[in-house]
PDB file of N, CA and C in Angstrom:
ATOM      1  N   MET A   1    -162.010 217.512-195.629  1.00  0.00           N
ATOM      2  CA  MET A   1    -161.673 216.850-196.873  1.00  0.00           C
ATOM      3  C   MET A   1    -160.532 217.613-197.544  1.00  0.00           C
ATOM      4  N   ILE A   2    -159.620 216.903-198.124  1.00  0.00           N
ATOM      5  CA  ILE A   2    -158.469 217.501-198.785  1.00  0.00           C
ATOM      6  C   ILE A   2    -158.824 217.830-200.229  1.00  0.00           C
ATOM      7  N   ASN A   3    -158.582 219.093-200.602  1.00  0.00           N
ATOM      8  CA  ASN A   3    -158.824 219.509-201.984  1.00  0.00           C
ATOM      9  C   ASN A   3    -157.641 219.111-202.856  1.00  0.00           C
ATOM     10  N   SER A   4    -157.925 218.682-204.053  1.00  0.00           N
ATOM     11  CA  SER A   4    -156.845 218.330-204.970  1.00  0.00           C
ATOM     12  C   SER A   4    -156.282 219.584-205.616  1.00  0.00           C
ATOM     13  N   VAL A   5    -155.058 219.498-206.071  1.00  0.00           N
ATOM     14  CA  VAL A   5    -154.376 220.627-206.693  1.00  0.00           C
ATOM     15  C   VAL A   5    -154.760 220.682-208.163  1.00  0.00           C
ATOM     16  N   ASN A   6    -155.102 221.860-208.629  1.00  0.00           N
ATOM     17  CA  ASN A   6    -155.438 222.059-210.037  1.00  0.00           C
ATOM     18  C   ASN A   6    -154.143 222.356-210.792  1.00  0.00           C
ATOM     19  N   PHE A   7    -153.621 221.381-211.513  1.00  0.00           N
ATOM     20  CA  PHE A   7    -152.354 221.533-212.218  1.00  0.00           C
ATOM     21  C   PHE A   7    -152.466 222.392-213.475  1.00  0.00           C
ATOM     22  N   ASN A   8    -153.666 222.720-213.914  1.00  0.00           N
ATOM     23  CA  ASN A   8    -153.824 223.553-215.104  1.00  0.00           C
ATOM     24  C   ASN A   8    -153.380 224.986-214.839  1.00  0.00           C
ATOM     25  N   ASN A   9    -153.577 225.480-213.618  1.00  0.00           N
ATOM     26  CA  ASN A   9    -153.238 226.857-213.291  1.00  0.00           C
ATOM     27  C   ASN A   9    -151.998 226.954-212.410  1.00  0.00           C
ATOM     28  N   LEU A  10    -151.239 225.880-212.291  1.00  0.00           N
ATOM     29  CA  LEU A  10    -150.046 225.868-211.445  1.00  0.00           C
ATOM     30  C   LEU A  10    -148.949 226.703-212.096  1.00  0.00           C
ATOM     31  N   PRO A  11    -148.368 227.643-211.353  1.00  0.00           N
ATOM     32  CA  PRO A  11    -147.339 228.507-211.938  1.00  0.00           C
ATOM     33  C   PRO A  11    -146.030 227.743-212.138  1.00  0.00           C
ATOM     34  N   ILE A  12    -145.846 227.202-213.316  1.00  0.00           N
ATOM     35  CA  ILE A  12    -144.679 226.383-213.631  1.00  0.00           C
ATOM     36  C   ILE A  12    -143.394 227.196-213.535  1.00  0.00           C
ATOM     37  N   GLN A  13    -143.422 228.434-213.957  1.00  0.00           N
ATOM     38  CA  GLN A  13    -142.221 229.266-213.911  1.00  0.00           C
ATOM     39  C   GLN A  13    -141.751 229.447-212.466  1.00  0.00           C
ATOM     40  N   ASP A  14    -142.671 229.647-211.532  1.00  0.00           N
ATOM     41  CA  ASP A  14    -142.310 229.799-210.128  1.00  0.00           C
ATOM     42  C   ASP A  14    -141.691 228.517-209.580  1.00  0.00           C
ATOM     43  N   LEU A  15    -142.256 227.376-209.973  1.00  0.00           N
ATOM     44  CA  LEU A  15    -141.711 226.099-209.503  1.00  0.00           C
ATOM     45  C   LEU A  15    -140.313 225.853-210.055  1.00  0.00           C
ATOM     46  N   VAL A  16    -140.088 226.195-211.308  1.00  0.00           N
ATOM     47  CA  VAL A  16    -138.774 225.996-211.925  1.00  0.00           C
ATOM     48  C   VAL A  16    -137.732 226.902-211.273  1.00  0.00           C
ATOM     49  N   VAL A  17    -138.091 228.157-211.039  1.00  0.00           N
ATOM     50  CA  VAL A  17    -137.152 229.101-210.430  1.00  0.00           C
ATOM     51  C   VAL A  17    -136.810 228.673-209.007  1.00  0.00           C
ATOM     52  N   SER A  18    -137.810 228.308-208.224  1.00  0.00           N
ATOM     53  CA  SER A  18    -137.525 227.880-206.848  1.00  0.00           C
ATOM     54  C   SER A  18    -136.732 226.576-206.834  1.00  0.00           C
ATOM     55  N   GLY A  19    -137.004 225.680-207.765  1.00  0.00           N
ATOM     56  CA  GLY A  19    -136.231 224.442-207.855  1.00  0.00           C
ATOM     57  C   GLY A  19    -134.777 224.700-208.205  1.00  0.00           C
ATOM     58  N   LEU A  20    -134.534 225.632-209.128  1.00  0.00           N
ATOM     59  CA  LEU A  20    -133.160 225.981-209.478  1.00  0.00           C
ATOM     60  C   LEU A  20    -132.419 226.629-208.308  1.00  0.00           C
ATOM     61  N   ILE A  21    -133.108 227.497-207.576  1.00  0.00           N
ATOM     62  CA  ILE A  21    -132.479 228.129-206.416  1.00  0.00           C
ATOM     63  C   ILE A  21    -132.108 227.085-205.366  1.00  0.00           C
ATOM     64  N   ILE A  22    -133.018 226.160-205.087  1.00  0.00           N
ATOM     65  CA  ILE A  22    -132.733 225.099-204.112  1.00  0.00           C
ATOM     66  C   ILE A  22    -131.568 224.246-204.586  1.00  0.00           C
ATOM     67  N   PHE A  23    -131.548 223.876-205.869  1.00  0.00           N
ATOM     68  CA  PHE A  23    -130.468 223.036-206.392  1.00  0.00           C
ATOM     69  C   PHE A  23    -129.120 223.752-206.331  1.00  0.00           C
ATOM     70  N   ILE A  24    -129.082 225.008-206.735  1.00  0.00           N
ATOM     71  CA  ILE A  24    -127.822 225.761-206.749  1.00  0.00           C
ATOM     72  C   ILE A  24    -127.309 225.978-205.328  1.00  0.00           C
ATOM     73  N   MET A  25    -128.188 226.380-204.431  1.00  0.00           N
ATOM     74  CA  MET A  25    -127.756 226.633-203.054  1.00  0.00           C
ATOM     75  C   MET A  25    -127.312 225.354-202.355  1.00  0.00           C
ATOM     76  N   SER A  26    -128.012 224.250-202.584  1.00  0.00           N
ATOM     77  CA  SER A  26    -127.600 222.996-201.948  1.00  0.00           C
ATOM     78  C   SER A  26    -126.275 222.509-202.522  1.00  0.00           C
ATOM     79  N   THR A  27    -126.023 222.752-203.805  1.00  0.00           N
ATOM     80  CA  THR A  27    -124.739 222.389-204.398  1.00  0.00           C
ATOM     81  C   THR A  27    -123.609 223.228-203.803  1.00  0.00           C
ATOM     82  N   ILE A  28    -123.852 224.527-203.630  1.00  0.00           N
ATOM     83  CA  ILE A  28    -122.840 225.395-203.034  1.00  0.00           C
ATOM     84  C   ILE A  28    -122.551 224.974-201.597  1.00  0.00           C
ATOM     85  N   ILE A  29    -123.597 224.714-200.831  1.00  0.00           N
ATOM     86  CA  ILE A  29    -123.402 224.290-199.436  1.00  0.00           C
ATOM     87  C   ILE A  29    -122.671 222.960-199.379  1.00  0.00           C
ATOM     88  N   ALA A  30    -123.024 222.027-200.272  1.00  0.00           N
ATOM     89  CA  ALA A  30    -122.364 220.729-200.275  1.00  0.00           C
ATOM     90  C   ALA A  30    -120.892 220.853-200.640  1.00  0.00           C
ATOM     91  N   ASN A  31    -120.549 221.761-201.555  1.00  0.00           N
ATOM     92  CA  ASN A  31    -119.150 221.928-201.950  1.00  0.00           C
ATOM     93  C   ASN A  31    -118.333 222.656-200.892  1.00  0.00           C
ATOM     94  N   ILE A  32    -118.932 223.611-200.204  1.00  0.00           N
ATOM     95  CA  ILE A  32    -118.195 224.378-199.204  1.00  0.00           C
ATOM     96  C   ILE A  32    -118.050 223.588-197.902  1.00  0.00           C
ATOM     97  N   TYR A  33    -119.144 223.007-197.414  1.00  0.00           N
ATOM     98  CA  TYR A  33    -119.122 222.369-196.100  1.00  0.00           C
ATOM     99  C   TYR A  33    -119.075 220.854-196.190  1.00  0.00           C
ATOM    100  N   ASP A  34    -120.236 220.258-196.423  1.00  0.00           N
ATOM    101  CA  ASP A  34    -120.338 218.802-196.368  1.00  0.00           C
ATOM    102  C   ASP A  34    -121.510 218.379-197.268  1.00  0.00           C
ATOM    103  N   PRO A  35    -121.356 217.296-198.014  1.00  0.00           N
ATOM    104  CA  PRO A  35    -122.465 216.858-198.868  1.00  0.00           C
ATOM    105  C   PRO A  35    -123.749 216.560-198.093  1.00  0.00           C
ATOM    106  N   LEU A  36    -123.597 216.067-196.872  1.00  0.00           N
ATOM    107  CA  LEU A  36    -124.781 215.777-196.063  1.00  0.00           C
ATOM    108  C   LEU A  36    -125.545 217.061-195.732  1.00  0.00           C
ATOM    109  N   LEU A  37    -124.830 218.148-195.495  1.00  0.00           N
ATOM    110  CA  LEU A  37    -125.492 219.427-195.232  1.00  0.00           C
ATOM    111  C   LEU A  37    -126.233 219.934-196.468  1.00  0.00           C
ATOM    112  N   GLY A  38    -125.668 219.720-197.644  1.00  0.00           N
ATOM    113  CA  GLY A  38    -126.344 220.124-198.872  1.00  0.00           C
ATOM    114  C   GLY A  38    -127.636 219.364-199.091  1.00  0.00           C
ATOM    115  N   VAL A  39    -127.612 218.068-198.848  1.00  0.00           N
ATOM    116  CA  VAL A  39    -128.821 217.248-198.989  1.00  0.00           C
ATOM    117  C   VAL A  39    -129.848 217.644-197.934  1.00  0.00           C
ATOM    118  N   THR A  40    -129.379 217.885-196.719  1.00  0.00           N
ATOM    119  CA  THR A  40    -130.275 218.307-195.649  1.00  0.00           C
ATOM    120  C   THR A  40    -130.918 219.649-195.975  1.00  0.00           C
ATOM    121  N   TYR A  41    -130.131 220.571-196.518  1.00  0.00           N
ATOM    122  CA  TYR A  41    -130.658 221.880-196.912  1.00  0.00           C
ATOM    123  C   TYR A  41    -131.736 221.719-197.986  1.00  0.00           C
ATOM    124  N   ALA A  42    -131.480 220.892-198.984  1.00  0.00           N
ATOM    125  CA  ALA A  42    -132.442 220.703-200.068  1.00  0.00           C
ATOM    126  C   ALA A  42    -133.747 220.105-199.550  1.00  0.00           C
ATOM    127  N   PHE A  43    -133.645 219.028-198.765  1.00  0.00           N
ATOM    128  CA  PHE A  43    -134.866 218.411-198.227  1.00  0.00           C
ATOM    129  C   PHE A  43    -135.578 219.331-197.251  1.00  0.00           C
ATOM    130  N   GLY A  44    -134.831 220.101-196.479  1.00  0.00           N
ATOM    131  CA  GLY A  44    -135.448 221.062-195.569  1.00  0.00           C
ATOM    132  C   GLY A  44    -136.237 222.113-196.309  1.00  0.00           C
ATOM    133  N   ASN A  45    -135.685 222.604-197.414  1.00  0.00           N
ATOM    134  CA  ASN A  45    -136.407 223.594-198.216  1.00  0.00           C
ATOM    135  C   ASN A  45    -137.647 223.005-198.869  1.00  0.00           C
ATOM    136  N   ILE A  46    -137.536 221.798-199.366  1.00  0.00           N
ATOM    137  CA  ILE A  46    -138.696 221.162-200.000  1.00  0.00           C
ATOM    138  C   ILE A  46    -139.803 220.939-198.974  1.00  0.00           C
ATOM    139  N   LEU A  47    -139.437 220.474-197.777  1.00  0.00           N
ATOM    140  CA  LEU A  47    -140.440 220.280-196.735  1.00  0.00           C
ATOM    141  C   LEU A  47    -141.055 221.606-196.298  1.00  0.00           C
ATOM    142  N   THR A  48    -140.242 222.642-196.175  1.00  0.00           N
ATOM    143  CA  THR A  48    -140.758 223.953-195.786  1.00  0.00           C
ATOM    144  C   THR A  48    -141.728 224.482-196.833  1.00  0.00           C
ATOM    145  N   LEU A  49    -141.371 224.365-198.099  1.00  0.00           N
ATOM    146  CA  LEU A  49    -142.273 224.825-199.158  1.00  0.00           C
ATOM    147  C   LEU A  49    -143.564 224.009-199.185  1.00  0.00           C
ATOM    148  N   THR A  50    -143.458 222.719-198.876  1.00  0.00           N
ATOM    149  CA  THR A  50    -144.649 221.875-198.841  1.00  0.00           C
ATOM    150  C   THR A  50    -145.572 222.285-197.705  1.00  0.00           C
ATOM    151  N   PHE A  51    -145.001 222.507-196.529  1.00  0.00           N
ATOM    152  CA  PHE A  51    -145.829 222.879-195.387  1.00  0.00           C
ATOM    153  C   PHE A  51    -146.411 224.281-195.524  1.00  0.00           C
ATOM    154  N   LEU A  52    -145.720 225.176-196.225  1.00  0.00           N
ATOM    155  CA  LEU A  52    -146.227 226.529-196.400  1.00  0.00           C
ATOM    156  C   LEU A  52    -147.073 226.687-197.658  1.00  0.00           C
ATOM    157  N   SER A  53    -147.381 225.582-198.316  1.00  0.00           N
ATOM    158  CA  SER A  53    -148.158 225.670-199.554  1.00  0.00           C
ATOM    159  C   SER A  53    -149.570 226.191-199.306  1.00  0.00           C
ATOM    160  N   TRP A  54    -150.033 226.162-198.057  1.00  0.00           N
ATOM    161  CA  TRP A  54    -151.365 226.702-197.760  1.00  0.00           C
ATOM    162  C   TRP A  54    -151.429 228.198-198.064  1.00  0.00           C
ATOM    163  N   LEU A  55    -150.274 228.874-198.111  1.00  0.00           N
ATOM    164  CA  LEU A  55    -150.269 230.290-198.461  1.00  0.00           C
ATOM    165  C   LEU A  55    -150.701 230.514-199.907  1.00  0.00           C
ATOM    166  N   TYR A  56    -150.418 229.542-200.759  1.00  0.00           N
ATOM    167  CA  TYR A  56    -150.719 229.663-202.179  1.00  0.00           C
ATOM    168  C   TYR A  56    -151.947 228.856-202.580  1.00  0.00           C
ATOM    169  N   LYS A  57    -152.749 228.489-201.612  1.00  0.00           N
ATOM    170  CA  LYS A  57    -153.908 227.650-201.897  1.00  0.00           C
ATOM    171  C   LYS A  57    -154.855 228.323-202.889  1.00  0.00           C
ATOM    172  N   GLU A  58    -155.021 229.640-202.776  1.00  0.00           N
ATOM    173  CA  GLU A  58    -155.918 230.335-203.699  1.00  0.00           C
ATOM    174  C   GLU A  58    -155.385 230.302-205.126  1.00  0.00           C
ATOM    175  N   THR A  59    -154.064 230.320-205.279  1.00  0.00           N
ATOM    176  CA  THR A  59    -153.472 230.285-206.601  1.00  0.00           C
ATOM    177  C   THR A  59    -153.605 228.890-207.214  1.00  0.00           C
ATOM    178  N   TRP A  60    -153.420 227.861-206.400  1.00  0.00           N
ATOM    179  CA  TRP A  60    -153.422 226.499-206.918  1.00  0.00           C
ATOM    180  C   TRP A  60    -154.804 225.908-207.081  1.00  0.00           C
ATOM    181  N   SER A  61    -155.737 226.360-206.275  1.00  0.00           N
ATOM    182  CA  SER A  61    -157.070 225.769-206.346  1.00  0.00           C
ATOM    183  C   SER A  61    -157.890 226.429-207.455  1.00  0.00           C
ATOM    184  N   ASP A  62    -158.938 225.786-207.826  1.00  0.00           N
ATOM    185  CA  ASP A  62    -159.812 226.291-208.877  1.00  0.00           C
ATOM    186  C   ASP A  62    -160.677 227.419-208.308  1.00  0.00           C
ATOM    187  N   PRO A  63    -160.557 228.636-208.822  1.00  0.00           N
ATOM    188  CA  PRO A  63    -161.331 229.756-208.268  1.00  0.00           C
ATOM    189  C   PRO A  63    -162.834 229.633-208.505  1.00  0.00           C
ATOM    190  N   ARG A  64    -163.235 228.716-209.367  1.00  0.00           N
ATOM    191  CA  ARG A  64    -164.670 228.558-209.648  1.00  0.00           C
ATOM    192  C   ARG A  64    -165.391 227.726-208.602  1.00  0.00           C
ATOM    193  N   LYS A  65    -164.625 227.106-207.670  1.00  0.00           N
ATOM    194  CA  LYS A  65    -165.265 226.248-206.654  1.00  0.00           C
ATOM    195  C   LYS A  65    -165.923 227.098-205.594  1.00  0.00           C
TER     196      LYS A  65
END
């Protein structure tokens, strides 16, 4: 069974910082090389963070369960 994410304890500051890093880096890559590479970089990072979210499961889940 899939556990739902507890948004009350979600580290918003970490999400904002990682989102800014992804946005800035994808903009730099898009300006230097190709816009398609920038979009690919951004989606690749988002997918990687999504798949590796199991590392932070203890942080996101309710510790009282």
